[in-house]
Amino acid sequence: MTKTFANETDARRYALRDGDELLAVLDYASNGQAISLTRAFTSPAHRGRGLAAEIVEYAVNDIEKTGTLRIVPMCWYVGEWFDKHPERSALLTR
């Protein structure tokens, strides 16, 4: 498996692919000051492999690089991810 991550800005989502196959997505909405991570989805055939955690981590790292946006975890999975990674909580806002 060759995983590739991308921020697909036109679709307002982060995507995780294996070649042409879409494995997982993380949808978002941004207002220029904050970015709401609204839905994490893993293709049913690929669930249970930790792909949602990988795409959330990729997105959080990418957002952190901007240095300006704060994260609103609207998706329950993203909220749980931050519960497991309290060291990243400085990136959060309401």
Protein backbone atom coordinates (compact mmCIF):
# COMPACT_ATOMS: atom_id res chain seq x y z
CA MET A 1 0.00 0.00 0.00
CA THR A 2 1.34 3.40 -1.03
CA LYS A 3 -0.52 6.01 1.01
CA THR A 4 -0.70 9.59 -0.16
CA PHE A 5 -2.25 12.47 1.73
CA ALA A 6 -3.56 15.69 0.21
CA ASN A 7 -5.44 18.80 1.18
CA GLU A 8 -8.07 18.99 -1.56
CA THR A 9 -8.99 22.64 -1.03
CA ASP A 10 -11.64 22.75 -3.79
CA ALA A 11 -13.53 19.93 -2.05
CA ARG A 12 -12.70 21.32 1.44
CA ARG A 13 -11.30 18.03 2.62
CA TYR A 14 -8.16 16.14 3.42
CA ALA A 15 -7.90 12.87 1.51
CA LEU A 16 -5.95 9.68 2.01
CA ARG A 17 -5.48 7.54 -1.08
CA ASP A 18 -3.79 4.37 -2.17
CA GLY A 19 -3.13 5.06 -5.83
CA ASP A 20 -6.50 6.09 -7.28
CA GLU A 21 -8.48 4.48 -4.45
CA LEU A 22 -9.90 6.87 -1.86
CA LEU A 23 -9.38 5.33 1.59
CA ALA A 24 -10.45 8.11 3.97
CA VAL A 25 -11.45 11.77 4.05
CA LEU A 26 -11.65 14.53 6.63
CA ASP A 27 -14.04 17.31 5.68
CA TYR A 28 -13.57 20.87 6.94
CA ALA A 29 -14.89 24.41 6.82
CA SER A 30 -12.73 27.48 7.42
CA ASN A 31 -13.55 31.10 8.17
CA GLY A 32 -9.95 32.35 7.94
CA GLN A 33 -9.39 32.32 11.71
CA ALA A 34 -10.54 28.81 12.61
CA ILE A 35 -11.02 25.55 10.79
CA SER A 36 -13.84 23.21 11.77
CA LEU A 37 -13.04 19.55 11.19
CA THR A 38 -16.57 18.39 10.47
CA ARG A 39 -16.49 14.74 9.38
CA ALA A 40 -14.01 11.90 9.29
CA PHE A 41 -14.94 9.01 7.00
CA THR A 42 -13.13 5.79 6.15
CA SER A 43 -14.26 3.60 3.28
CA PRO A 44 -16.02 0.57 4.82
CA ALA A 45 -13.59 -1.87 3.19
CA HIS A 46 -10.68 -0.18 4.97
CA ARG A 47 -12.09 0.42 8.45
CA GLY A 48 -10.31 -0.85 11.52
CA ARG A 49 -6.81 -0.09 10.20
CA GLY A 50 -6.25 3.26 11.91
CA LEU A 51 -6.66 5.28 8.73
CA ALA A 52 -8.96 7.86 10.34
CA ALA A 53 -6.31 8.54 12.99
CA GLU A 54 -3.68 8.92 10.28
CA ILE A 55 -5.69 11.44 8.27
CA VAL A 56 -6.58 13.46 11.38
CA GLU A 57 -2.91 13.56 12.40
CA TYR A 58 -1.92 14.64 8.90
CA ALA A 59 -4.55 17.40 8.90
CA VAL A 60 -3.58 18.64 12.38
CA ASN A 61 0.09 18.78 11.34
CA ASP A 62 -0.81 20.60 8.13
CA ILE A 63 -3.01 23.11 9.97
CA GLU A 64 -0.33 23.65 12.62
CA LYS A 65 2.17 24.56 9.88
CA THR A 66 0.03 27.55 8.91
CA GLY A 67 0.53 28.97 12.38
CA THR A 68 -2.64 31.07 12.12
CA LEU A 69 -5.67 28.77 12.21
CA ARG A 70 -7.16 27.19 15.31
CA ILE A 71 -9.13 23.95 15.18
CA VAL A 72 -12.77 23.38 16.11
CA PRO A 73 -13.33 19.61 16.43
CA MET A 74 -16.95 19.31 15.20
CA CYS A 75 -16.64 15.59 14.41
CA TRP A 76 -16.82 13.20 17.38
CA TYR A 77 -13.84 11.25 16.06
CA VAL A 78 -11.66 14.36 15.89
CA GLY A 79 -12.71 15.23 19.45
CA GLU A 80 -11.66 11.78 20.63
CA TRP A 81 -8.37 12.10 18.75
CA PHE A 82 -7.59 15.29 20.66
CA ASP A 83 -8.57 13.57 23.94
CA LYS A 84 -5.88 10.99 23.16
CA HIS A 85 -3.37 13.71 22.18
CA PRO A 86 -3.70 16.40 24.86
CA GLU A 87 -0.28 17.76 23.91
CA ARG A 88 -1.93 19.14 20.76
CA SER A 89 -4.75 20.94 22.61
CA ALA A 90 -3.13 24.38 22.18
CA LEU A 91 -4.41 24.22 18.59
CA LEU A 92 -8.05 24.07 19.70
CA THR A 93 -10.64 26.83 19.95
CA ARG A 94 -14.39 26.95 20.47
